[in-house]
């Protein structure tokens, strides 16, 4: 079992399932409303823990019922949340998610809330956890100063660092310098690479080349129905997705990142870690919700044996 420290967001999800996405000015009658646990950081920590990693989560919530939902979840699955800080002035983050009932696709609006108030000084309180971790994982759903401080401490102790640049926001140019793995989806990769779109493997290859030029060591790109693409500038790995019936794709990328980080912390090579992440993310889209959809290690192992000839 490896040790992972995840720094990022917790967000209370409110999901509605609809027969179609509304056009501007249009009202659509939804089938149902579901409440769930989300936030990119929290989802990734959940996936890492369910894969089997010793997981520490650094984040910030408000002083409200949504925060209690987060703490209860972490207690239940065994995530160390001693560094889940509380804002007395700003509410817990909330996401409003519209899910297409037939296709499983989603559209998401996020109120970042207390996540945006996480401070470098709070990150520093977890320095010992960072020093003793195998892998560090973060995203951009908090704020630039907290991300920078987390990365500074990771570099200070020579840790394996994974940066999931989502959601895209302004960051210092040197934020990717020396990062071991940058893990954008196809939309984020296009923005980072200054391209109009990334629609196939050739585009992914060009986007990765441009992202590597920002100073990171490797790019691991998730490409939806095209699977994932990895390169470190000298070798390439393409892993197709497993064949499943998608019900809800919310949080699939987070599950992929958390599983990949956990597999790396456990000592797996890049290709094996990507294959495990592919299986875990693939299973997650067959179920509704974000954190609630993350499968267990046992389920992931079974999918690996079935789909990856492992």
Protein backbone atom coordinates (compact mmCIF):
# COMPACT_ATOMS: atom_id res chain seq x y z
CA UNK A 1 0.00 0.00 0.00
CA UNK A 2 1.38 3.40 -1.01
CA UNK A 3 0.71 6.75 0.63
CA UNK A 4 -0.92 9.61 -1.29
CA UNK A 5 -1.59 13.21 -0.31
CA UNK A 6 -4.33 14.84 -2.34
CA UNK A 7 -4.82 18.60 -2.17
CA UNK A 8 -8.00 19.91 -3.71
CA UNK A 9 -11.69 20.60 -3.55
CA UNK A 10 -14.75 19.17 -1.90
CA UNK A 11 -18.05 20.07 -3.54
CA UNK A 12 -21.59 18.99 -2.76
CA UNK A 13 -23.14 17.71 -6.00
CA UNK A 14 -26.76 18.34 -6.94
CA UNK A 15 -27.60 16.32 -10.05
CA UNK A 16 -30.68 16.39 -12.26
CA UNK A 17 -31.38 13.80 -14.97
CA UNK A 18 -33.03 15.19 -18.10
CA UNK A 19 -34.24 13.90 -21.50
CA UNK A 20 -32.30 16.73 -23.21
CA UNK A 21 -30.01 19.63 -22.37
CA UNK A 22 -31.96 22.91 -22.33
CA UNK A 23 -31.29 25.54 -24.96
CA UNK A 24 -30.91 29.20 -24.01
CA UNK A 25 -34.17 30.38 -22.48
CA UNK A 26 -35.68 26.88 -22.52
CA UNK A 27 -37.05 24.94 -19.53
CA UNK A 28 -36.73 21.16 -19.49
CA UNK A 29 -38.61 18.92 -17.07
CA UNK A 30 -36.11 16.69 -15.24
CA UNK A 31 -36.73 13.11 -14.14
CA UNK A 32 -35.20 13.41 -10.67
CA UNK A 33 -32.80 15.23 -8.35
CA UNK A 34 -29.97 13.42 -6.57
CA UNK A 35 -27.53 14.72 -3.97
CA UNK A 36 -24.01 13.39 -3.95
CA UNK A 37 -20.41 14.05 -2.93
CA UNK A 38 -18.02 15.61 -5.41
CA UNK A 39 -15.20 18.04 -5.98
CA UNK A 40 -12.19 17.02 -8.04
CA UNK A 41 -9.86 16.67 -5.08
CA UNK A 42 -12.33 14.73 -2.98
CA UNK A 43 -13.27 12.45 -5.88
CA UNK A 44 -9.62 11.70 -6.60
CA UNK A 45 -8.90 11.01 -2.94
CA UNK A 46 -11.90 8.68 -2.85
CA UNK A 47 -10.65 6.76 -5.88
CA UNK A 48 -7.14 6.52 -4.44
CA UNK A 49 -8.49 5.20 -1.15
CA UNK A 50 -10.81 2.67 -2.78
CA UNK A 51 -7.89 1.44 -4.86
CA UNK A 52 -6.11 0.79 -1.57
CA UNK A 53 -3.82 3.75 -0.97
CA UNK A 54 -3.22 5.30 2.45
CA UNK A 55 -4.83 8.64 1.58
CA UNK A 56 -4.56 12.08 3.17
CA UNK A 57 -6.82 14.87 1.95
CA UNK A 58 -6.08 18.60 2.24
CA UNK A 59 -9.04 20.88 1.53
CA UNK A 60 -11.49 23.42 2.90
CA UNK A 61 -15.23 23.49 3.51
CA UNK A 62 -17.75 25.87 5.05
CA UNK A 63 -19.45 25.58 8.40
CA UNK A 64 -22.63 23.91 7.14
CA UNK A 65 -24.39 20.59 6.62
CA UNK A 66 -22.52 19.95 3.37
CA UNK A 67 -19.24 19.98 5.31
CA UNK A 68 -20.62 17.35 7.67
CA UNK A 69 -21.46 15.19 4.64
CA UNK A 70 -17.81 15.40 3.59
CA UNK A 71 -16.42 14.47 6.99
CA UNK A 72 -18.81 11.55 7.35
CA UNK A 73 -17.74 10.22 3.95
CA UNK A 74 -14.05 10.42 4.81
CA UNK A 75 -14.60 8.65 8.13
CA UNK A 76 -16.58 5.91 6.40
CA UNK A 77 -13.96 5.04 3.78
CA UNK A 78 -10.85 5.78 5.84
CA UNK A 79 -9.44 9.00 4.36
CA UNK A 80 -7.33 11.06 6.77
CA UNK A 81 -9.13 14.42 6.86
CA UNK A 82 -7.23 16.14 9.68
CA UNK A 83 -6.30 18.81 7.12
CA UNK A 84 -9.85 19.50 5.97
CA UNK A 85 -10.07 23.10 7.15
CA UNK A 86 -13.22 25.12 7.87
CA UNK A 87 -14.19 28.60 6.71
CA UNK A 88 -16.59 30.44 8.98
CA UNK A 89 -17.33 33.04 6.31
CA UNK A 90 -17.76 31.12 3.03
CA UNK A 91 -20.04 28.16 2.35
CA UNK A 92 -18.98 24.72 1.15
CA UNK A 93 -18.61 24.43 -2.63
CA UNK A 94 -21.62 23.29 -4.64
CA UNK A 95 -21.98 21.86 -8.18
CA UNK A 96 -25.16 21.94 -10.25
CA UNK A 97 -25.02 19.00 -12.68
CA UNK A 98 -27.35 18.31 -15.59
CA UNK A 99 -27.09 14.73 -16.88
CA UNK A 100 -28.52 13.50 -20.18
CA UNK A 101 -30.57 10.45 -19.21
CA UNK A 102 -29.93 8.51 -22.42
CA UNK A 103 -26.32 9.41 -23.25
CA UNK A 104 -24.90 9.79 -19.73
CA UNK A 105 -23.17 13.04 -20.73
CA UNK A 106 -23.15 15.96 -18.33
CA UNK A 107 -22.92 19.75 -18.05
CA UNK A 108 -21.67 21.21 -14.78
CA UNK A 109 -21.76 24.63 -13.12
CA UNK A 110 -19.56 24.95 -10.02
CA UNK A 111 -19.66 27.37 -7.09
CA UNK A 112 -16.15 26.90 -5.68
CA UNK A 113 -17.02 28.41 -2.28
CA UNK A 114 -14.69 27.66 0.62
CA UNK A 115 -12.29 25.76 -1.64
CA UNK A 116 -11.12 29.10 -2.97
CA UNK A 117 -10.13 30.27 0.52
CA UNK A 118 -7.58 27.52 1.21
CA UNK A 119 -4.28 29.20 2.16
CA UNK A 120 -0.58 28.36 1.78
CA UNK A 121 -0.29 28.49 5.59
CA UNK A 122 -2.89 25.73 5.87
CA UNK A 123 -1.00 23.67 3.28
CA UNK A 124 2.14 24.07 5.41
CA UNK A 125 0.41 22.38 8.35
CA UNK A 126 0.47 19.14 6.34
CA UNK A 127 4.18 19.36 5.49
CA UNK A 128 5.07 16.19 7.40
CA UNK A 129 2.39 14.23 5.53
CA UNK A 130 3.78 15.55 2.25
CA UNK A 131 7.34 14.62 3.29
CA UNK A 132 6.34 11.02 3.98
CA UNK A 133 4.07 10.53 0.94
CA UNK A 134 4.87 8.43 -2.11
CA UNK A 135 2.74 10.47 -4.53
CA UNK A 136 1.18 13.94 -4.45
CA UNK A 137 -1.90 14.81 -6.50
CA UNK A 138 -3.61 18.15 -7.05
CA UNK A 139 -5.94 20.01 -9.41
CA UNK A 140 -6.93 23.65 -10.04
CA UNK A 141 -10.26 23.78 -8.19
CA UNK A 142 -8.86 25.75 -5.24
CA UNK A 143 -6.56 28.73 -5.94
CA UNK A 144 -3.12 29.42 -7.39
CA UNK A 145 -1.28 30.23 -4.12
CA UNK A 146 -2.37 26.97 -2.45
CA UNK A 147 -1.46 24.96 -5.56
CA UNK A 148 1.94 26.65 -5.73
CA UNK A 149 2.68 25.95 -2.06
CA UNK A 150 1.66 22.30 -2.37
CA UNK A 151 3.93 21.92 -5.39
CA UNK A 152 6.78 23.77 -3.64
CA UNK A 153 6.71 21.31 -0.77
CA UNK A 154 6.49 18.38 -3.17
CA UNK A 155 9.54 19.58 -5.05
CA UNK A 156 11.37 20.28 -1.76
CA UNK A 157 11.09 16.61 -0.79
CA UNK A 158 11.54 15.19 -4.30
CA UNK A 159 8.09 13.61 -4.45
CA UNK A 160 6.32 12.16 -7.47
CA UNK A 161 3.81 14.89 -8.37
CA UNK A 162 0.70 14.58 -10.51
CA UNK A 163 -1.08 17.75 -11.66
CA UNK A 164 -4.56 17.46 -13.11
CA UNK A 165 -5.05 20.93 -14.70
CA UNK A 166 -8.80 21.07 -14.17
CA UNK A 167 -10.71 23.23 -14.28
CA UNK A 168 -8.42 25.35 -16.43
CA UNK A 169 -7.58 28.67 -14.81
CA UNK A 170 -4.73 31.17 -14.87
CA UNK A 171 -1.61 29.76 -13.25
CA UNK A 172 2.03 30.93 -13.21
CA UNK A 173 3.96 29.81 -16.30
CA UNK A 174 6.36 27.70 -14.22
CA UNK A 175 3.63 25.67 -12.49
CA UNK A 176 4.38 22.61 -14.67
CA UNK A 177 8.16 22.83 -14.29
CA UNK A 178 9.52 19.47 -13.16
CA UNK A 179 6.06 17.95 -12.63
CA UNK A 180 6.15 14.19 -13.17
CA UNK A 181 2.71 13.79 -14.77
CA UNK A 182 0.32 16.40 -16.17
CA UNK A 183 -3.09 14.82 -16.78
CA UNK A 184 -5.44 16.99 -18.88
CA UNK A 185 -8.53 15.81 -20.70
CA UNK A 186 -8.81 16.60 -24.40
CA UNK A 187 -10.39 20.03 -23.82
CA UNK A 188 -7.79 21.08 -21.24
CA UNK A 189 -5.00 19.72 -23.43
CA UNK A 190 -6.14 21.87 -26.35
CA UNK A 191 -6.06 24.98 -24.15
CA UNK A 192 -2.64 24.16 -22.71
CA UNK A 193 -1.27 23.45 -26.18
CA UNK A 194 -2.83 26.49 -27.84
CA UNK A 195 -4.82 24.30 -30.27
CA UNK A 196 -8.39 24.62 -31.46
CA UNK A 197 -9.23 21.05 -30.43
CA UNK A 198 -7.86 17.61 -29.70
CA UNK A 199 -10.06 15.19 -31.60
CA UNK A 200 -7.84 12.16 -32.30
CA UNK A 201 -4.52 10.53 -31.44
CA UNK A 202 -2.56 12.66 -33.88
CA UNK A 203 -3.90 15.79 -32.21
CA UNK A 204 -3.15 14.28 -28.80
CA UNK A 205 0.43 13.59 -29.86
CA UNK A 206 0.94 17.19 -30.99
CA UNK A 207 -0.76 18.63 -27.90
CA UNK A 208 1.42 16.48 -25.65
CA UNK A 209 4.56 17.67 -27.44
CA UNK A 210 3.59 21.27 -26.74
CA UNK A 211 2.68 20.58 -23.11
CA UNK A 212 5.99 18.81 -22.50
CA UNK A 213 7.67 22.00 -23.66
CA UNK A 214 6.22 23.69 -20.55
CA UNK A 215 8.70 21.69 -18.46
CA UNK A 216 6.83 18.63 -17.22
CA UNK A 217 8.28 15.13 -17.50
CA UNK A 218 5.25 13.30 -18.94
CA UNK A 219 1.73 13.94 -20.22
CA UNK A 220 -1.14 11.53 -19.58
CA UNK A 221 -4.18 12.70 -21.53
CA UNK A 222 -7.70 11.33 -21.13
CA UNK A 223 -9.59 11.30 -24.43
CA UNK A 224 -13.10 10.13 -23.56
CA UNK A 225 -14.21 7.46 -26.01
CA UNK A 226 -10.66 7.28 -27.40
CA UNK A 227 -9.24 6.15 -24.06
CA UNK A 228 -5.98 7.68 -22.84
CA UNK A 229 -2.64 8.69 -24.34
CA UNK A 230 0.71 8.89 -22.52
CA UNK A 231 4.07 10.19 -23.63
CA UNK A 232 7.26 11.30 -21.95
CA UNK A 233 8.76 12.48 -25.22
CA UNK A 234 10.48 9.19 -26.01
CA UNK A 235 7.78 6.56 -25.62
CA UNK A 236 4.04 6.47 -26.17
CA UNK A 237 1.24 4.43 -24.60
CA UNK A 238 -2.34 4.35 -25.86
CA UNK A 239 -4.94 2.48 -23.79
CA UNK A 240 -8.47 2.21 -25.25
CA UNK A 241 -11.43 2.44 -22.85
CA UNK A 242 -13.18 -0.67 -21.64
CA UNK A 243 -16.56 -1.35 -23.26
CA UNK A 244 -19.39 -0.42 -20.90
CA UNK A 245 -22.83 1.20 -21.01
CA UNK A 246 -22.37 4.75 -19.72
CA UNK A 247 -24.99 5.97 -17.26
CA UNK A 248 -23.23 9.05 -15.85
CA UNK A 249 -19.74 10.27 -16.75
CA UNK A 250 -19.53 12.69 -13.79
CA UNK A 251 -16.24 12.21 -11.97
CA UNK A 252 -14.81 9.65 -14.41
CA UNK A 253 -11.69 11.72 -15.00
CA UNK A 254 -11.23 12.15 -11.26
CA UNK A 255 -11.53 8.40 -10.74
CA UNK A 256 -8.91 7.88 -13.46
CA UNK A 257 -6.50 10.30 -11.76
CA UNK A 258 -7.00 8.87 -8.29
CA UNK A 259 -6.54 5.30 -9.46
CA UNK A 260 -3.46 6.17 -11.51
CA UNK A 261 -1.90 7.94 -8.52
CA UNK A 262 -2.67 5.02 -6.21
CA UNK A 263 -1.25 2.50 -8.65
CA UNK A 264 1.95 4.55 -9.01
CA UNK A 265 2.23 4.86 -5.22
CA UNK A 266 1.95 1.08 -5.04
CA UNK A 267 4.89 0.73 -7.42
CA UNK A 268 3.26 -0.16 -10.73
CA UNK A 269 4.89 0.92 -14.00
CA UNK A 270 3.21 3.60 -16.10
CA UNK A 271 1.35 1.30 -18.50
CA UNK A 272 -0.02 -0.97 -15.79
CA UNK A 273 -1.09 2.05 -13.73
CA UNK A 274 -2.88 3.52 -16.76
CA UNK A 275 -4.65 0.23 -17.40
CA UNK A 276 -5.86 0.03 -13.80
CA UNK A 277 -7.02 3.66 -14.00
CA UNK A 278 -8.85 2.90 -17.25
CA UNK A 279 -10.72 0.01 -15.63
CA UNK A 280 -11.67 1.95 -12.52
CA UNK A 281 -12.87 4.96 -14.53
CA UNK A 282 -14.73 2.71 -16.96
CA UNK A 283 -16.65 1.03 -14.18
CA UNK A 284 -17.47 4.39 -12.59
CA UNK A 285 -19.48 5.62 -15.59
CA UNK A 286 -21.85 2.66 -15.27
CA UNK A 287 -23.19 4.15 -12.03
CA UNK A 288 -24.71 7.52 -11.12
CA UNK A 289 -22.85 10.12 -9.08
CA UNK A 290 -19.22 11.07 -8.56
CA UNK A 291 -17.78 9.71 -5.29
CA UNK A 292 -20.66 7.24 -5.04
CA UNK A 293 -19.78 5.72 -8.41
CA UNK A 294 -16.15 4.86 -7.61
CA UNK A 295 -15.69 1.06 -7.65
CA UNK A 296 -13.71 -1.00 -5.16
CA UNK A 297 -10.23 -2.44 -5.71
CA UNK A 298 -11.76 -5.90 -6.06
CA UNK A 299 -14.13 -4.72 -8.80
CA UNK A 300 -11.27 -2.96 -10.55
CA UNK A 301 -9.08 -6.07 -10.40
CA UNK A 302 -11.91 -8.14 -11.92
CA UNK A 303 -12.33 -5.62 -14.75
CA UNK A 304 -8.58 -5.63 -15.33
CA UNK A 305 -8.57 -9.40 -15.71
CA UNK A 306 -11.53 -9.26 -18.07
CA UNK A 307 -10.52 -6.33 -20.28
CA UNK A 308 -6.74 -6.03 -19.99
CA UNK A 309 -5.77 -9.68 -20.19
CA UNK A 310 -3.99 -9.23 -16.88
